[in-house]
Amino acid sequence: MVERDPALPERVTIYEVGPRDGLQNESTVVPTKVKAEFVRRLVAAGLPVVETTSFVHPRWVPQLADAADLLADLGELAVPTPVLVPNEKGLERALAAGVKHVAVFASATETFAEKNLASTYDDQFAMFEPVVEKATRLGLDVRAYVSMCFGDPWEGPVQVARVVAAGRRLLDMGASQLSIGDTIGVATPGHVRSLVDAFSGAGVDVDRLAMHFHDTYGQALANAYAALESGITTFDASAGGLGGCPYAESATGNLATEDLVWMLDGLGIEHGVRLDDLVRTSTWMAEQLGRESPSAVVRALG
């Protein structure tokens, strides 16, 4: 049954991260052809953006070592298929592959910057600045992620002001959108509202913000609802609930795209994704990985 709340957004964009963030932590390398089929099925299910891969060094994330081959297999698709680029060398590889949308990935904390980027907190911004400048100068769209926005497994709770400061630096560089990451899944709804309010208070339009929740403590959907109440209209999600971070062991699965879609459907919020097709895609992908999907909706409907 649909119960429309007029106080909530009429439409949201689901930014699918399954092929990149969802698969990056898999211990068994997924064949390039399977990844390509996964992306195509997601596009066919109506996902308006599908982040496909990352041009990180293969030593860091072996699962994504086939980035160039995957993009060559996919060719031109009907929707944006962004890639993550960690530095200038990664951007050069992405440009050679003909990409039009890239993303950079920063940390709100010192320790995670060191573990994830082999950098200090401040130096990461110096590393990204020429990447963002060159990409925007060449007409590419640049998205920025900031991780550990609610808590860090080494440093504990993260102050809202620190997250806002990190996000502002990335937006001021020229990023078109900032994805706020609950990397270890410790956020709760009140914290989500406070963070969005703090960004608004710092002069950041809510339309430039996206939310990236993990479901470690079962809070991802509650947090997504709180973000909707705060005016957020872009949500990162991973088909079938796949995902985690290879540099933070407590970062378990992403918010499942199907679970988000089910909630949005019940709220009467438009998103353009066909749930049945998406469930079939995630069921198929779970078969390729040899295990059941962690998504509650996939288990119920699959």
C-alpha atoms as a PDB file:
ATOM      1  CA  MET A   1       0.000   0.000   0.000  1.00  0.00           C
ATOM      2  CA  VAL A   2       1.297   3.452  -0.913  1.00  0.00           C
ATOM      3  CA  GLU A   3       1.084   6.237   1.664  1.00  0.00           C
ATOM      4  CA  ARG A   4       2.464   9.457   0.214  1.00  0.00           C
ATOM      5  CA  ASP A   5       3.927  11.995   2.649  1.00  0.00           C
ATOM      6  CA  PRO A   6       3.902  15.421   0.949  1.00  0.00           C
ATOM      7  CA  ALA A   7       6.731  16.564   3.225  1.00  0.00           C
ATOM      8  CA  LEU A   8       9.125  14.107   1.560  1.00  0.00           C
ATOM      9  CA  PRO A   9      10.781  14.561  -1.863  1.00  0.00           C
ATOM     10  CA  GLU A  10       8.657  13.544  -4.852  1.00  0.00           C
ATOM     11  CA  ARG A  11      11.562  11.828  -6.622  1.00  0.00           C
ATOM     12  CA  VAL A  12      15.029  10.555  -5.742  1.00  0.00           C
ATOM     13  CA  THR A  13      18.037   9.345  -7.692  1.00  0.00           C
ATOM     14  CA  ILE A  14      19.484   5.960  -6.799  1.00  0.00           C
ATOM     15  CA  TYR A  15      23.221   5.928  -7.442  1.00  0.00           C
ATOM     16  CA  GLU A  16      24.040   2.238  -7.900  1.00  0.00           C
ATOM     17  CA  VAL A  17      27.468   1.252  -6.543  1.00  0.00           C
ATOM     18  CA  GLY A  18      27.217  -2.547  -6.673  1.00  0.00           C
ATOM     19  CA  PRO A  19      29.683  -3.236  -9.501  1.00  0.00           C
ATOM     20  CA  ARG A  20      32.393  -1.150  -7.817  1.00  0.00           C
ATOM     21  CA  ASP A  21      31.811  -0.840  -4.083  1.00  0.00           C
ATOM     22  CA  GLY A  22      29.760  -4.002  -3.951  1.00  0.00           C
ATOM     23  CA  LEU A  23      32.329  -6.265  -5.578  1.00  0.00           C
ATOM     24  CA  GLN A  24      35.613  -4.661  -4.520  1.00  0.00           C
ATOM     25  CA  ASN A  25      35.916  -6.696  -1.329  1.00  0.00           C
ATOM     26  CA  GLU A  26      35.151 -10.093  -2.872  1.00  0.00           C
ATOM     27  CA  SER A  27      37.985 -12.527  -2.178  1.00  0.00           C
ATOM     28  CA  THR A  28      37.380 -14.482  -5.392  1.00  0.00           C
ATOM     29  CA  VAL A  29      37.970 -12.481  -8.563  1.00  0.00           C
ATOM     30  CA  VAL A  30      34.736 -12.102 -10.529  1.00  0.00           C
ATOM     31  CA  PRO A  31      35.238 -12.586 -14.306  1.00  0.00           C
ATOM     32  CA  THR A  32      35.060  -9.444 -16.406  1.00  0.00           C
ATOM     33  CA  LYS A  33      32.212 -10.872 -18.490  1.00  0.00           C
ATOM     34  CA  VAL A  34      30.149 -11.434 -15.350  1.00  0.00           C
ATOM     35  CA  LYS A  35      30.783  -7.871 -14.181  1.00  0.00           C
ATOM     36  CA  ALA A  36      29.768  -6.527 -17.588  1.00  0.00           C
ATOM     37  CA  GLU A  37      26.563  -8.558 -17.541  1.00  0.00           C
ATOM     38  CA  PHE A  38      25.852  -7.290 -14.009  1.00  0.00           C
ATOM     39  CA  VAL A  39      26.178  -3.671 -15.167  1.00  0.00           C
ATOM     40  CA  ARG A  40      23.988  -4.234 -18.219  1.00  0.00           C
ATOM     41  CA  ARG A  41      21.275  -5.893 -16.132  1.00  0.00           C
ATOM     42  CA  LEU A  42      21.311  -3.004 -13.668  1.00  0.00           C
ATOM     43  CA  VAL A  43      20.943  -0.480 -16.469  1.00  0.00           C
ATOM     44  CA  ALA A  44      18.119  -2.541 -17.964  1.00  0.00           C
ATOM     45  CA  ALA A  45      16.370  -2.534 -14.555  1.00  0.00           C
ATOM     46  CA  GLY A  46      16.192   1.255 -14.703  1.00  0.00           C
ATOM     47  CA  LEU A  47      19.079   2.374 -12.508  1.00  0.00           C
ATOM     48  CA  PRO A  48      19.881   5.931 -13.654  1.00  0.00           C
ATOM     49  CA  VAL A  49      23.568   5.804 -12.636  1.00  0.00           C
ATOM     50  CA  VAL A  50      25.765   2.717 -12.283  1.00  0.00           C
ATOM     51  CA  GLU A  51      29.259   3.132 -10.879  1.00  0.00           C
ATOM     52  CA  THR A  52      31.235   0.449 -12.654  1.00  0.00           C
ATOM     53  CA  THR A  53      34.805   0.162 -11.389  1.00  0.00           C
ATOM     54  CA  SER A  54      37.881   1.943 -10.082  1.00  0.00           C
ATOM     55  CA  PHE A  55      41.263   2.775 -11.561  1.00  0.00           C
ATOM     56  CA  VAL A  56      43.122   2.030  -8.354  1.00  0.00           C
ATOM     57  CA  HIS A  57      46.433   0.181  -8.552  1.00  0.00           C
ATOM     58  CA  PRO A  58      45.712  -3.561  -8.913  1.00  0.00           C
ATOM     59  CA  ARG A  59      47.878  -4.216  -5.859  1.00  0.00           C
ATOM     60  CA  TRP A  60      45.407  -2.261  -3.707  1.00  0.00           C
ATOM     61  CA  VAL A  61      42.187  -3.833  -4.992  1.00  0.00           C
ATOM     62  CA  PRO A  62      42.896  -6.887  -7.179  1.00  0.00           C
ATOM     63  CA  GLN A  63      39.181  -7.351  -7.867  1.00  0.00           C
ATOM     64  CA  LEU A  64      39.166  -4.165  -9.965  1.00  0.00           C
ATOM     65  CA  ALA A  65      42.359  -4.795 -11.926  1.00  0.00           C
ATOM     66  CA  ASP A  66      40.284  -5.321 -15.088  1.00  0.00           C
ATOM     67  CA  ALA A  67      38.859  -1.773 -15.133  1.00  0.00           C
ATOM     68  CA  ALA A  68      39.959  -0.923 -18.674  1.00  0.00           C
ATOM     69  CA  ASP A  69      38.841  -4.305 -20.032  1.00  0.00           C
ATOM     70  CA  LEU A  70      35.448  -3.962 -18.349  1.00  0.00           C
ATOM     71  CA  LEU A  71      34.818  -0.524 -19.836  1.00  0.00           C
ATOM     72  CA  ALA A  72      35.889  -1.743 -23.261  1.00  0.00           C
ATOM     73  CA  ASP A  73      33.423  -4.628 -22.978  1.00  0.00           C
ATOM     74  CA  LEU A  74      30.589  -2.327 -21.897  1.00  0.00           C
ATOM     75  CA  GLY A  75      31.084   0.327 -24.552  1.00  0.00           C
ATOM     76  CA  GLU A  76      28.640   3.251 -24.520  1.00  0.00           C
ATOM     77  CA  LEU A  77      25.627   2.719 -22.274  1.00  0.00           C
ATOM     78  CA  ALA A  78      22.433   4.725 -21.946  1.00  0.00           C
ATOM     79  CA  VAL A  79      23.207   6.039 -18.438  1.00  0.00           C
ATOM     80  CA  PRO A  80      26.292   7.479 -16.720  1.00  0.00           C
ATOM     81  CA  THR A  81      28.757   4.805 -15.602  1.00  0.00           C
ATOM     82  CA  PRO A  82      31.221   6.625 -13.317  1.00  0.00           C
ATOM     83  CA  VAL A  83      34.567   5.246 -12.184  1.00  0.00           C
ATOM     84  CA  LEU A  84      36.631   5.961  -9.100  1.00  0.00           C
ATOM     85  CA  VAL A  85      40.067   7.533  -9.611  1.00  0.00           C
ATOM     86  CA  PRO A  86      42.513   7.680  -6.666  1.00  0.00           C
ATOM     87  CA  ASN A  87      45.087  10.060  -8.133  1.00  0.00           C
ATOM     88  CA  GLU A  88      46.391  11.668 -11.334  1.00  0.00           C
ATOM     89  CA  LYS A  89      47.669   8.369 -12.703  1.00  0.00           C
ATOM     90  CA  GLY A  90      44.242   6.822 -12.177  1.00  0.00           C
ATOM     91  CA  LEU A  91      42.651   9.767 -13.957  1.00  0.00           C
ATOM     92  CA  GLU A  92      44.983   9.308 -16.934  1.00  0.00           C
ATOM     93  CA  ARG A  93      43.953   5.656 -17.213  1.00  0.00           C
ATOM     94  CA  ALA A  94      40.282   6.641 -16.962  1.00  0.00           C
ATOM     95  CA  LEU A  95      40.677   9.280 -19.673  1.00  0.00           C
ATOM     96  CA  ALA A  96      42.346   6.742 -21.933  1.00  0.00           C
ATOM     97  CA  ALA A  97      39.300   4.523 -21.450  1.00  0.00           C
ATOM     98  CA  GLY A  98      37.004   7.349 -22.534  1.00  0.00           C
ATOM     99  CA  VAL A  99      35.127   7.923 -19.294  1.00  0.00           C
ATOM    100  CA  LYS A 100      32.970  11.023 -18.775  1.00  0.00           C
ATOM    101  CA  HIS A 101      32.193  10.725 -15.068  1.00  0.00           C
ATOM    102  CA  VAL A 102      34.758  10.183 -12.314  1.00  0.00           C
ATOM    103  CA  ALA A 103      34.812  10.187  -8.530  1.00  0.00           C
ATOM    104  CA  VAL A 104      37.451  10.826  -5.881  1.00  0.00           C
ATOM    105  CA  PHE A 105      37.386   9.247  -2.442  1.00  0.00           C
ATOM    106  CA  ALA A 106      38.573  11.137   0.637  1.00  0.00           C
ATOM    107  CA  SER A 107      38.448  10.521   4.385  1.00  0.00           C
ATOM    108  CA  ALA A 108      37.089  12.675   7.187  1.00  0.00           C
ATOM    109  CA  THR A 109      39.676  11.165   9.570  1.00  0.00           C
ATOM    110  CA  GLU A 110      43.442  11.087   9.753  1.00  0.00           C
ATOM    111  CA  THR A 111      43.786   7.342  10.379  1.00  0.00           C
ATOM    112  CA  PHE A 112      41.607   6.218   7.498  1.00  0.00           C
ATOM    113  CA  ALA A 113      43.365   8.618   5.133  1.00  0.00           C
ATOM    114  CA  GLU A 114      46.575   6.857   6.079  1.00  0.00           C
ATOM    115  CA  LYS A 115      45.170   3.329   5.742  1.00  0.00           C
ATOM    116  CA  ASN A 116      43.064   3.876   2.619  1.00  0.00           C
ATOM    117  CA  LEU A 117      45.161   6.433   0.727  1.00  0.00           C
ATOM    118  CA  ALA A 118      48.639   6.177   2.295  1.00  0.00           C
ATOM    119  CA  SER A 119      48.276   9.901   2.938  1.00  0.00           C
ATOM    120  CA  THR A 120      47.731  12.379   5.736  1.00  0.00           C
ATOM    121  CA  TYR A 121      44.357  14.065   6.134  1.00  0.00           C
ATOM    122  CA  ASP A 122      45.623  17.325   4.641  1.00  0.00           C
ATOM    123  CA  ASP A 123      47.786  15.745   1.944  1.00  0.00           C
ATOM    124  CA  GLN A 124      44.818  13.847   0.490  1.00  0.00           C
ATOM    125  CA  PHE A 125      43.282  17.147  -0.597  1.00  0.00           C
ATOM    126  CA  ALA A 126      46.542  18.227  -2.215  1.00  0.00           C
ATOM    127  CA  MET A 127      46.514  14.915  -4.087  1.00  0.00           C
ATOM    128  CA  PHE A 128      42.949  15.351  -5.315  1.00  0.00           C
ATOM    129  CA  GLU A 129      43.156  19.011  -6.305  1.00  0.00           C
ATOM    130  CA  PRO A 130      44.989  18.485  -9.632  1.00  0.00           C
ATOM    131  CA  VAL A 131      42.761  15.486 -10.376  1.00  0.00           C
ATOM    132  CA  VAL A 132      39.573  17.509  -9.948  1.00  0.00           C
ATOM    133  CA  GLU A 133      41.017  20.525 -11.765  1.00  0.00           C
ATOM    134  CA  LYS A 134      42.077  18.534 -14.804  1.00  0.00           C
ATOM    135  CA  ALA A 135      38.915  16.462 -14.958  1.00  0.00           C
ATOM    136  CA  THR A 136      36.619  19.490 -14.774  1.00  0.00           C
ATOM    137  CA  ARG A 137      38.757  21.425 -17.251  1.00  0.00           C
ATOM    138  CA  LEU A 138      38.299  18.552 -19.709  1.00  0.00           C
ATOM    139  CA  GLY A 139      34.547  18.595 -19.202  1.00  0.00           C
ATOM    140  CA  LEU A 140      34.203  15.547 -16.968  1.00  0.00           C
ATOM    141  CA  ASP A 141      31.742  15.449 -14.105  1.00  0.00           C
ATOM    142  CA  VAL A 142      33.474  14.860 -10.764  1.00  0.00           C
ATOM    143  CA  ARG A 143      31.789  13.387  -7.724  1.00  0.00           C
ATOM    144  CA  ALA A 144      33.480  13.327  -4.324  1.00  0.00           C
ATOM    145  CA  TYR A 145      33.085  10.750  -1.587  1.00  0.00           C
ATOM    146  CA  VAL A 146      34.011  11.476   1.992  1.00  0.00           C
ATOM    147  CA  SER A 147      34.229   8.396   4.214  1.00  0.00           C
ATOM    148  CA  MET A 148      34.107   7.808   7.985  1.00  0.00           C
ATOM    149  CA  CYS A 149      31.552  10.598   8.415  1.00  0.00           C
ATOM    150  CA  PHE A 150      29.825   9.174  11.475  1.00  0.00           C
ATOM    151  CA  GLY A 151      32.427   7.001  13.137  1.00  0.00           C
ATOM    152  CA  ASP A 152      35.903   5.578  12.589  1.00  0.00           C
ATOM    153  CA  PRO A 153      37.009   2.158  13.932  1.00  0.00           C
ATOM    154  CA  TRP A 154      40.352   3.606  15.054  1.00  0.00           C
ATOM    155  CA  GLU A 155      39.369   7.107  16.149  1.00  0.00           C
ATOM    156  CA  GLY A 156      35.810   6.590  17.383  1.00  0.00           C
ATOM    157  CA  PRO A 157      33.003   9.132  16.867  1.00  0.00           C
ATOM    158  CA  VAL A 158      33.700  11.783  14.221  1.00  0.00           C
ATOM    159  CA  GLN A 159      32.738  15.378  14.923  1.00  0.00           C
ATOM    160  CA  VAL A 160      30.138  16.883  12.589  1.00  0.00           C
ATOM    161  CA  ALA A 161      32.268  19.996  12.073  1.00  0.00           C
ATOM    162  CA  ARG A 162      35.167  17.888  10.834  1.00  0.00           C
ATOM    163  CA  VAL A 163      32.980  16.166   8.243  1.00  0.00           C
ATOM    164  CA  VAL A 164      31.597  19.480   7.017  1.00  0.00           C
ATOM    165  CA  ALA A 165      35.104  20.918   6.725  1.00  0.00           C
ATOM    166  CA  ALA A 166      36.287  17.928   4.655  1.00  0.00           C
ATOM    167  CA  GLY A 167      33.209  18.045   2.448  1.00  0.00           C
ATOM    168  CA  ARG A 168      33.496  21.773   1.823  1.00  0.00           C
ATOM    169  CA  ARG A 169      37.104  21.374   0.686  1.00  0.00           C
ATOM    170  CA  LEU A 170      36.052  18.789  -1.897  1.00  0.00           C
ATOM    171  CA  LEU A 171      33.097  20.827  -3.147  1.00  0.00           C
ATOM    172  CA  ASP A 172      35.204  23.977  -3.312  1.00  0.00           C
ATOM    173  CA  MET A 173      37.663  22.129  -5.565  1.00  0.00           C
ATOM    174  CA  GLY A 174      34.902  21.701  -8.124  1.00  0.00           C
ATOM    175  CA  ALA A 175      33.126  18.447  -7.263  1.00  0.00           C
ATOM    176  CA  SER A 176      29.506  18.573  -8.412  1.00  0.00           C
ATOM    177  CA  GLN A 177      28.212  16.298  -5.670  1.00  0.00           C
ATOM    178  CA  LEU A 178      29.377  15.068  -2.276  1.00  0.00           C
ATOM    179  CA  SER A 179      28.527  11.558  -1.100  1.00  0.00           C
ATOM    180  CA  ILE A 180      28.565  11.340   2.704  1.00  0.00           C
ATOM    181  CA  GLY A 181      29.690   7.880   3.772  1.00  0.00           C
ATOM    182  CA  ASP A 182      28.726   5.960   6.899  1.00  0.00           C
ATOM    183  CA  THR A 183      31.581   3.577   6.166  1.00  0.00           C
ATOM    184  CA  ILE A 184      31.193   1.353   9.243  1.00  0.00           C
ATOM    185  CA  GLY A 185      27.419   1.667   9.598  1.00  0.00           C
ATOM    186  CA  VAL A 186      27.272   3.384  12.984  1.00  0.00           C
ATOM    187  CA  ALA A 187      25.020   6.324  12.029  1.00  0.00           C
ATOM    188  CA  THR A 188      21.600   6.828  13.591  1.00  0.00           C
ATOM    189  CA  PRO A 189      18.771   9.056  12.322  1.00  0.00           C
ATOM    190  CA  GLY A 190      19.375  11.991  14.652  1.00  0.00           C
ATOM    191  CA  HIS A 191      23.038  12.098  13.686  1.00  0.00           C
ATOM    192  CA  VAL A 192      22.064  12.060  10.009  1.00  0.00           C
ATOM    193  CA  ARG A 193      19.757  15.042  10.483  1.00  0.00           C
ATOM    194  CA  SER A 194      22.408  16.947  12.432  1.00  0.00           C
ATOM    195  CA  LEU A 195      24.996  16.410   9.718  1.00  0.00           C
ATOM    196  CA  VAL A 196      22.685  17.530   6.906  1.00  0.00           C
ATOM    197  CA  ASP A 197      21.688  20.587   8.960  1.00  0.00           C
ATOM    198  CA  ALA A 198      25.359  21.411   9.538  1.00  0.00           C
ATOM    199  CA  PHE A 199      26.118  21.292   5.816  1.00  0.00           C
ATOM    200  CA  SER A 200      23.128  23.547   5.134  1.00  0.00           C
ATOM    201  CA  GLY A 201      24.372  25.919   7.819  1.00  0.00           C
ATOM    202  CA  ALA A 202      27.755  25.995   6.087  1.00  0.00           C
ATOM    203  CA  GLY A 203      26.138  27.146   2.855  1.00  0.00           C
ATOM    204  CA  VAL A 204      26.006  23.782   1.048  1.00  0.00           C
ATOM    205  CA  ASP A 205      22.798  23.229  -0.898  1.00  0.00           C
ATOM    206  CA  VAL A 206      21.177  19.949   0.110  1.00  0.00           C
ATOM    207  CA  ASP A 207      20.824  19.099  -3.599  1.00  0.00           C
ATOM    208  CA  ARG A 208      24.613  18.694  -3.768  1.00  0.00           C
ATOM    209  CA  LEU A 209      24.623  16.026  -1.062  1.00  0.00           C
ATOM    210  CA  ALA A 210      24.154  12.274  -1.367  1.00  0.00           C
ATOM    211  CA  MET A 211      24.034   9.647   1.365  1.00  0.00           C
ATOM    212  CA  HIS A 212      25.975   6.393   1.398  1.00  0.00           C
ATOM    213  CA  PHE A 213      24.831   4.114   4.224  1.00  0.00           C
ATOM    214  CA  HIS A 214      26.091   0.733   5.390  1.00  0.00           C
ATOM    215  CA  ASP A 215      23.832  -1.649   7.282  1.00  0.00           C
ATOM    216  CA  THR A 216      26.272  -2.978   9.885  1.00  0.00           C
ATOM    217  CA  TYR A 217      23.858  -2.288  12.773  1.00  0.00           C
ATOM    218  CA  GLY A 218      20.644  -2.561  10.758  1.00  0.00           C
ATOM    219  CA  GLN A 219      20.186   1.207  10.612  1.00  0.00           C
ATOM    220  CA  ALA A 220      20.602   1.920   6.897  1.00  0.00           C
ATOM    221  CA  LEU A 221      16.913   2.233   5.997  1.00  0.00           C
ATOM    222  CA  ALA A 222      16.098   4.262   9.112  1.00  0.00           C
ATOM    223  CA  ASN A 223      18.961   6.574   8.238  1.00  0.00           C
ATOM    224  CA  ALA A 224      17.779   6.844   4.634  1.00  0.00           C
ATOM    225  CA  TYR A 225      14.332   7.872   5.860  1.00  0.00           C
ATOM    226  CA  ALA A 226      15.860  10.518   8.122  1.00  0.00           C
ATOM    227  CA  ALA A 227      17.849  11.806   5.157  1.00  0.00           C
ATOM    228  CA  LEU A 228      14.664  11.988   3.076  1.00  0.00           C
ATOM    229  CA  GLU A 229      13.067  14.051   5.826  1.00  0.00           C
ATOM    230  CA  SER A 230      16.085  16.369   5.619  1.00  0.00           C
ATOM    231  CA  GLY A 231      15.610  16.834   1.860  1.00  0.00           C
ATOM    232  CA  ILE A 232      18.278  14.455   0.508  1.00  0.00           C
ATOM    233  CA  THR A 233      17.353  13.223  -2.983  1.00  0.00           C
ATOM    234  CA  THR A 234      20.359  11.098  -3.980  1.00  0.00           C
ATOM    235  CA  PHE A 235      21.130   7.784  -2.292  1.00  0.00           C
ATOM    236  CA  ASP A 236      23.975   5.385  -2.950  1.00  0.00           C
ATOM    237  CA  ALA A 237      22.916   1.740  -2.802  1.00  0.00           C
ATOM    238  CA  SER A 238      24.259  -1.632  -3.832  1.00  0.00           C
ATOM    239  CA  ALA A 239      22.201  -4.278  -5.619  1.00  0.00           C
ATOM    240  CA  GLY A 240      21.643  -7.208  -3.304  1.00  0.00           C
ATOM    241  CA  GLY A 241      23.348  -5.429  -0.418  1.00  0.00           C
ATOM    242  CA  LEU A 242      26.804  -6.353  -1.677  1.00  0.00           C
ATOM    243  CA  GLY A 243      29.804  -4.543  -0.401  1.00  0.00           C
ATOM    244  CA  GLY A 244      32.239  -3.455   2.225  1.00  0.00           C
ATOM    245  CA  CYS A 245      35.557  -1.682   2.415  1.00  0.00           C
ATOM    246  CA  PRO A 246      38.836  -3.613   2.069  1.00  0.00           C
ATOM    247  CA  TYR A 247      40.553  -1.177   4.451  1.00  0.00           C
ATOM    248  CA  ALA A 248      37.980  -1.252   7.267  1.00  0.00           C
ATOM    249  CA  GLU A 249      37.022  -4.713   8.496  1.00  0.00           C
ATOM    250  CA  SER A 250      33.927  -3.428  10.303  1.00  0.00           C
ATOM    251  CA  ALA A 251      32.511  -1.982   7.055  1.00  0.00           C
ATOM    252  CA  THR A 252      29.942  -4.599   6.090  1.00  0.00           C
ATOM    253  CA  GLY A 253      27.365  -4.497   3.339  1.00  0.00           C
ATOM    254  CA  ASN A 254      25.945  -1.399   1.730  1.00  0.00           C
ATOM    255  CA  LEU A 255      22.312  -0.409   1.888  1.00  0.00           C
ATOM    256  CA  ALA A 256      20.619  -2.877  -0.472  1.00  0.00           C
ATOM    257  CA  THR A 257      19.118  -1.194  -3.527  1.00  0.00           C
ATOM    258  CA  GLU A 258      16.066  -3.464  -3.361  1.00  0.00           C
ATOM    259  CA  ASP A 259      15.389  -2.579   0.274  1.00  0.00           C
ATOM    260  CA  LEU A 260      15.609   1.125  -0.557  1.00  0.00           C
ATOM    261  CA  VAL A 261      13.320   0.713  -3.575  1.00  0.00           C
ATOM    262  CA  TRP A 262      10.724  -1.171  -1.506  1.00  0.00           C
ATOM    263  CA  MET A 263      10.637   1.665   1.039  1.00  0.00           C
ATOM    264  CA  LEU A 264      10.467   4.360  -1.651  1.00  0.00           C
ATOM    265  CA  ASP A 265       7.631   2.531  -3.400  1.00  0.00           C
ATOM    266  CA  GLY A 266       5.658   2.425  -0.163  1.00  0.00           C
ATOM    267  CA  LEU A 267       6.213   6.149   0.306  1.00  0.00           C
ATOM    268  CA  GLY A 268       5.087   6.942  -3.230  1.00  0.00           C
ATOM    269  CA  ILE A 269       8.474   8.432  -4.127  1.00  0.00           C
ATOM    270  CA  GLU A 270       9.473   8.060  -7.785  1.00  0.00           C
ATOM    271  CA  HIS A 271      12.859   6.555  -8.693  1.00  0.00           C
ATOM    272  CA  GLY A 272      12.478   4.797 -12.051  1.00  0.00           C
ATOM    273  CA  VAL A 273      13.773   1.374 -10.994  1.00  0.00           C
ATOM    274  CA  ARG A 274      11.818  -1.802 -11.779  1.00  0.00           C
ATOM    275  CA  LEU A 275      11.973  -3.863  -8.603  1.00  0.00           C
ATOM    276  CA  ASP A 276      11.238  -7.264 -10.185  1.00  0.00           C
ATOM    277  CA  ASP A 277      14.050  -6.852 -12.710  1.00  0.00           C
ATOM    278  CA  LEU A 278      16.413  -5.687  -9.975  1.00  0.00           C
ATOM    279  CA  VAL A 279      15.590  -8.650  -7.735  1.00  0.00           C
ATOM    280  CA  ARG A 280      16.233 -11.037 -10.615  1.00  0.00           C
ATOM    281  CA  THR A 281      19.576  -9.329 -11.242  1.00  0.00           C
ATOM    282  CA  SER A 282      20.672  -9.590  -7.616  1.00  0.00           C
ATOM    283  CA  THR A 283      19.506 -13.208  -7.397  1.00  0.00           C
ATOM    284  CA  TRP A 284      21.568 -13.972 -10.492  1.00  0.00           C
ATOM    285  CA  MET A 285      24.612 -12.156  -9.057  1.00  0.00           C
ATOM    286  CA  ALA A 286      24.306 -14.025  -5.768  1.00  0.00           C
ATOM    287  CA  GLU A 287      24.397 -17.267  -7.763  1.00  0.00           C
ATOM    288  CA  GLN A 288      27.603 -16.135  -9.482  1.00  0.00           C
ATOM    289  CA  LEU A 289      29.136 -15.470  -6.056  1.00  0.00           C
ATOM    290  CA  GLY A 290      27.871 -18.741  -4.629  1.00  0.00           C
ATOM    291  CA  ARG A 291      25.914 -17.363  -1.688  1.00  0.00           C
ATOM    292  CA  GLU A 292      22.565 -15.890  -0.680  1.00  0.00           C
ATOM    293  CA  SER A 293      21.965 -12.170  -1.047  1.00  0.00           C
ATOM    294  CA  PRO A 294      21.947 -10.255   2.256  1.00  0.00           C
ATOM    295  CA  SER A 295      19.068  -8.076   1.005  1.00  0.00           C
ATOM    296  CA  ALA A 296      15.847  -8.755   2.900  1.00  0.00           C
ATOM    297  CA  VAL A 297      13.731  -7.877  -0.145  1.00  0.00           C
ATOM    298  CA  VAL A 298      15.739 -10.158  -2.440  1.00  0.00           C
ATOM    299  CA  ARG A 299      15.299 -13.029   0.025  1.00  0.00           C
ATOM    300  CA  ALA A 300      11.546 -12.312   0.244  1.00  0.00           C
ATOM    301  CA  LEU A 301      10.912 -11.982  -3.489  1.00  0.00           C
ATOM    302  CA  GLY A 302      13.772 -13.889  -5.102  1.00  0.00           C
END
